[in-house]
Amino acid sequence: MKKDYVPHAWESVDCPFCNSNKSKYYENFGPKLQYTYVKCLDCKLVYQNPRAKYDETFLRDAYEVYEGFIPNYVFLEKTLNSWDKELKEILRFDKIRTGILDIGPAMGDFLKVSQKYYKNCAGVEVAENMAKYIESQLKLNVYIGSYSDINFNKKYSCVHMSHVLEHIPNPKDWLLKTKQILEDQGILALSVPNINSFPRRFHLFFKRIGLTKNYWKDSSRTPDHLFEPNIPSILKFISDNGYKVLEYYT
């Protein structure tokens, strides 16, 4: 039986997007409702504060799901078709197509499809067993470690991050890192959750009037989403860090 997850330490933080220290309470969630989301009064980002101290202990605990994961993994046609659709959208904007770098590729589904369109495909993965699986199955290079700490010896026309950014404490550093390794005409393809989506707003409404709770039955789960963007907050964040928004949808 899994043990209840209780952070070994807590830390108070400012808004991860704009560094503002002005916020208001948004909601409690998780096992025993021990985690708190607040909403930035400046850029409107919803983020954890206080949050579990983001250190090596948290990384080990929050991402332990990766440890025993793999052996008989199968690339599903439905999943590959979904990534193929996204790649065709990316190719509308990536005109030079010199290479694609996938940040957080997990089992490599996106990279497998990318090989149809790019000669140079690579990934960045913190879980060593996942990285080695991709390398053995797809014969691709996967950098192991934290994205912001890796020294890349080449540039890419596209950097792809799908539901990765919300897991890291220093999103600005990641956007600045990406600018360093993108070609002059390169693009960043970014996917994040939208806390203002209809299902999320619907759930929050019923929670606030007492009809539902945001209580996790699995008390061993960890609060690995450090923040929850919405459209205004993510668009401002991207623009403030020197990017031009070419297209977005939710």
Protein backbone atom coordinates (compact mmCIF):
# COMPACT_ATOMS: atom_id res chain seq x y z
CA MET A 1 0.00 0.00 0.00
CA LYS A 2 1.34 3.42 -0.95
CA LYS A 3 2.07 5.85 1.85
CA ASP A 4 0.44 9.25 2.10
CA TYR A 5 2.63 11.86 0.46
CA VAL A 6 3.50 14.70 2.81
CA PRO A 7 6.08 17.28 1.62
CA HIS A 8 9.21 17.24 3.77
CA ALA A 9 9.40 21.05 3.53
CA TRP A 10 7.46 24.01 2.15
CA GLU A 11 8.46 27.23 0.45
CA SER A 12 6.70 30.51 -0.32
CA VAL A 13 7.09 31.83 -3.87
CA ASP A 14 6.15 34.82 -6.01
CA CYS A 15 4.32 34.43 -9.31
CA PRO A 16 6.40 32.16 -11.61
CA PHE A 17 5.40 34.23 -14.66
CA CYS A 18 5.71 37.88 -13.60
CA ASN A 19 7.37 37.71 -10.15
CA SER A 20 4.55 39.67 -8.55
CA ASN A 21 3.95 39.02 -4.84
CA LYS A 22 0.32 40.18 -5.05
CA SER A 23 -2.18 37.35 -5.11
CA LYS A 24 -5.50 36.15 -3.75
CA TYR A 25 -6.75 32.75 -2.64
CA TYR A 26 -8.06 30.52 -5.43
CA GLU A 27 -8.66 27.01 -4.01
CA ASN A 28 -7.33 24.13 -1.92
CA PHE A 29 -6.81 20.72 -3.49
CA GLY A 30 -5.17 17.33 -3.13
CA PRO A 31 -5.03 14.81 -0.28
CA LYS A 32 -6.55 16.38 2.85
CA LEU A 33 -6.75 19.57 0.74
CA GLN A 34 -3.21 20.30 1.89
CA TYR A 35 -2.17 22.25 -1.26
CA THR A 36 -3.20 25.80 -2.09
CA TYR A 37 -3.60 27.61 -5.40
CA VAL A 38 -3.53 31.40 -5.43
CA LYS A 39 -4.20 33.74 -8.36
CA CYS A 40 -1.73 36.45 -9.33
CA LEU A 41 -3.43 39.85 -9.23
CA ASP A 42 -1.15 41.15 -11.99
CA CYS A 43 -0.91 38.50 -14.73
CA LYS A 44 -3.79 36.23 -13.52
CA LEU A 45 -1.70 33.06 -13.36
CA VAL A 46 -2.93 30.45 -10.87
CA TYR A 47 0.00 28.94 -8.97
CA GLN A 48 0.85 26.98 -5.82
CA ASN A 49 1.80 29.08 -2.83
CA PRO A 50 3.08 27.83 -0.51
CA ARG A 51 4.28 24.77 -2.38
CA ALA A 52 6.32 21.67 -1.61
CA LYS A 53 9.97 22.72 -1.57
CA TYR A 54 11.27 22.10 -5.08
CA ASP A 55 14.47 20.18 -4.46
CA GLU A 56 15.97 16.75 -5.17
CA THR A 57 13.67 15.12 -2.61
CA PHE A 58 10.57 16.57 -4.27
CA LEU A 59 11.80 15.54 -7.74
CA ARG A 60 12.34 11.98 -6.54
CA ASP A 61 8.92 11.80 -4.90
CA ALA A 62 6.88 13.80 -7.42
CA TYR A 63 8.13 11.89 -10.44
CA GLU A 64 8.58 8.44 -8.92
CA VAL A 65 5.93 7.20 -11.37
CA TYR A 66 8.70 7.08 -13.99
CA GLU A 67 10.93 4.69 -12.08
CA GLY A 68 9.45 1.29 -12.87
CA PHE A 69 7.76 2.34 -16.06
CA ILE A 70 8.39 0.83 -19.48
CA PRO A 71 9.23 -2.73 -20.49
CA ASN A 72 6.27 -3.65 -22.71
CA TYR A 73 5.30 -0.19 -23.90
CA VAL A 74 3.42 -0.15 -27.22
CA PHE A 75 3.09 2.79 -29.61
CA LEU A 76 -0.68 3.12 -30.12
CA GLU A 77 -1.99 4.13 -33.53
CA LYS A 78 -4.53 6.53 -31.99
CA THR A 79 -1.78 8.36 -30.09
CA LEU A 80 0.51 8.51 -33.10
CA ASN A 81 -2.30 9.90 -35.26
CA SER A 82 -2.93 12.63 -32.69
CA TRP A 83 0.75 13.65 -32.76
CA ASP A 84 0.75 13.52 -36.55
CA LYS A 85 -2.10 16.03 -36.61
CA GLU A 86 -0.15 18.35 -34.29
CA LEU A 87 3.01 18.02 -36.35
CA LYS A 88 1.18 19.01 -39.51
CA GLU A 89 0.07 22.16 -37.67
CA ILE A 90 3.68 22.82 -36.60
CA LEU A 91 4.89 22.43 -40.18
CA ARG A 92 2.66 25.31 -41.24
CA PHE A 93 5.00 27.61 -39.31
CA ASP A 94 8.35 25.81 -39.36
CA LYS A 95 9.51 26.76 -42.83
CA ILE A 96 13.17 25.70 -42.54
CA ARG A 97 12.76 22.33 -40.77
CA THR A 98 16.40 21.83 -39.84
CA GLY A 99 15.56 19.82 -36.74
CA ILE A 100 13.12 19.31 -33.87
CA LEU A 101 13.85 18.97 -30.14
CA ASP A 102 11.17 17.47 -27.89
CA ILE A 103 11.38 18.46 -24.22
CA GLY A 104 9.95 15.74 -21.97
CA PRO A 105 9.28 13.09 -24.66
CA ALA A 106 8.25 10.38 -22.16
CA MET A 107 8.04 7.16 -24.22
CA GLY A 108 8.84 8.88 -27.52
CA ASP A 109 5.51 8.84 -29.36
CA PHE A 110 5.91 12.42 -30.63
CA LEU A 111 9.49 11.79 -31.73
CA LYS A 112 8.48 8.61 -33.54
CA VAL A 113 6.06 10.61 -35.70
CA SER A 114 8.53 13.50 -36.05
CA GLN A 115 10.89 11.17 -37.91
CA LYS A 116 8.49 11.31 -40.85
CA TYR A 117 9.10 15.05 -41.24
CA TYR A 118 12.52 15.86 -39.74
CA LYS A 119 15.92 14.30 -40.44
CA ASN A 120 17.28 15.65 -37.15
CA CYS A 121 15.12 14.63 -34.15
CA ALA A 122 16.23 14.66 -30.52
CA GLY A 123 14.77 14.77 -27.02
CA VAL A 124 15.47 15.93 -23.47
CA GLU A 125 14.30 13.67 -20.64
CA VAL A 126 14.97 13.69 -16.88
CA ALA A 127 14.08 10.00 -16.50
CA GLU A 128 17.11 7.97 -17.59
CA ASN A 129 15.17 4.76 -18.25
CA MET A 130 12.78 6.58 -20.59
CA ALA A 131 15.63 8.27 -22.44
CA LYS A 132 17.40 4.95 -22.99
CA TYR A 133 14.17 3.34 -24.18
CA ILE A 134 13.67 6.03 -26.84
CA GLU A 135 17.28 5.74 -27.95
CA SER A 136 17.04 1.96 -28.32
CA GLN A 137 13.64 1.93 -30.02
CA LEU A 138 13.94 4.96 -32.29
CA LYS A 139 17.72 5.25 -32.68
CA LEU A 140 17.60 8.91 -31.64
CA ASN A 141 19.75 11.03 -29.34
CA VAL A 142 18.11 11.90 -26.03
CA TYR A 143 19.84 14.29 -23.63
CA ILE A 144 19.43 13.19 -20.00
CA GLY A 145 18.99 15.85 -17.32
CA SER A 146 17.37 19.19 -16.69
CA TYR A 147 16.78 21.19 -19.88
CA SER A 148 18.22 24.41 -18.45
CA ASP A 149 21.50 22.67 -17.52
CA ILE A 150 22.26 21.01 -20.87
CA ASN A 151 24.76 22.46 -23.33
CA PHE A 152 23.52 21.86 -26.87
CA ASN A 153 25.97 21.65 -29.76
CA LYS A 154 23.42 22.42 -32.47
CA LYS A 155 20.34 24.55 -33.12
CA TYR A 156 16.82 23.49 -34.01
CA SER A 157 14.08 25.01 -36.12
CA CYS A 158 11.44 23.78 -33.64
CA VAL A 159 11.45 23.14 -29.90
CA HIS A 160 8.39 21.22 -28.70
CA MET A 161 7.10 21.25 -25.10
CA SER A 162 3.84 19.44 -24.41
CA HIS A 163 2.53 19.69 -20.83
CA VAL A 164 6.00 20.12 -19.39
CA LEU A 165 6.31 23.82 -18.53
CA GLU A 166 3.76 23.70 -15.69
CA HIS A 167 5.95 21.16 -13.86
CA ILE A 168 9.01 23.37 -13.48
CA PRO A 169 9.72 26.23 -11.05
CA ASN A 170 11.67 28.45 -13.47
CA PRO A 171 9.60 28.76 -16.68
CA LYS A 172 11.26 32.04 -17.69
CA ASP A 173 14.68 30.37 -17.70
CA TRP A 174 13.32 27.68 -20.01
CA LEU A 175 11.98 30.22 -22.51
CA LEU A 176 15.30 32.06 -22.52
CA LYS A 177 17.16 28.75 -22.98
CA THR A 178 14.91 27.93 -25.93
CA LYS A 179 15.74 31.23 -27.65
CA GLN A 180 19.43 30.30 -27.47
CA ILE A 181 19.00 27.02 -29.35
CA LEU A 182 16.37 28.06 -31.88
CA GLU A 183 17.32 28.96 -35.45
CA ASP A 184 16.63 32.59 -36.44
CA GLN A 185 13.38 31.49 -38.10
CA GLY A 186 12.69 28.84 -35.44
CA ILE A 187 9.47 28.27 -33.50
CA LEU A 188 8.46 27.07 -30.05
CA ALA A 189 5.45 24.73 -30.01
CA LEU A 190 4.05 24.91 -26.48
CA SER A 191 1.12 23.10 -24.87
CA VAL A 192 -0.05 23.82 -21.31
CA PRO A 193 -3.28 23.25 -19.34
CA ASN A 194 -5.98 25.93 -19.40
CA ILE A 195 -7.47 26.41 -15.94
CA ASN A 196 -10.18 28.61 -17.45
CA SER A 197 -11.43 25.84 -19.74
CA PHE A 198 -15.14 25.11 -19.44
CA PRO A 199 -14.73 21.79 -17.54
CA ARG A 200 -12.34 23.39 -15.02
CA ARG A 201 -14.60 26.40 -14.44
CA PHE A 202 -17.63 24.09 -14.19
CA HIS A 203 -15.86 21.96 -11.56
CA LEU A 204 -14.72 25.00 -9.57
CA PHE A 205 -18.25 26.44 -9.54
CA PHE A 206 -19.72 23.24 -8.09
CA LYS A 207 -16.89 23.00 -5.61
CA ARG A 208 -17.47 26.54 -4.35
CA ILE A 209 -21.18 25.94 -3.79
CA GLY A 210 -20.36 22.75 -1.91
CA LEU A 211 -21.59 20.09 -4.36
CA THR A 212 -18.15 18.62 -5.12
CA LYS A 213 -14.74 18.51 -3.49
CA ASN A 214 -11.25 18.65 -4.95
CA TYR A 215 -10.06 15.91 -2.64
CA TRP A 216 -7.69 13.31 -4.14
CA LYS A 217 -8.63 9.77 -3.13
CA ASP A 218 -5.08 8.64 -3.94
CA SER A 219 -3.24 10.27 -1.05
CA SER A 220 0.16 9.22 -2.44
CA ARG A 221 -0.17 11.58 -5.41
CA THR A 222 2.10 14.60 -5.54
CA PRO A 223 1.37 18.25 -6.48
CA ASP A 224 3.56 18.29 -9.59
CA HIS A 225 1.63 21.05 -11.41
CA LEU A 226 3.35 24.06 -9.88
CA PHE A 227 1.09 26.47 -11.76
CA GLU A 228 -1.99 26.43 -13.98
CA PRO A 229 -2.00 28.92 -16.87
CA ASN A 230 -4.93 30.47 -18.65
CA ILE A 231 -4.96 32.21 -22.04
CA PRO A 232 -4.25 35.78 -20.84
CA SER A 233 -1.43 34.72 -18.50
CA ILE A 234 0.38 32.48 -20.98
CA LEU A 235 0.09 34.94 -23.89
CA LYS A 236 1.50 37.76 -21.74
CA PHE A 237 4.27 35.52 -20.43
CA ILE A 238 5.33 34.46 -23.94
CA SER A 239 5.28 38.03 -25.27
CA ASP A 240 7.14 39.42 -22.25
CA ASN A 241 9.96 36.97 -22.95
CA GLY A 242 10.53 38.09 -26.51
CA TYR A 243 8.38 35.70 -28.51
CA LYS A 244 5.83 36.52 -31.21
CA VAL A 245 2.64 34.47 -30.93
CA LEU A 246 1.93 32.96 -34.34
CA GLU A 247 -1.18 30.98 -33.42
CA TYR A 248 -2.98 29.65 -30.36
CA TYR A 249 -6.06 27.66 -29.56
CA THR A 250 -7.69 25.90 -26.60
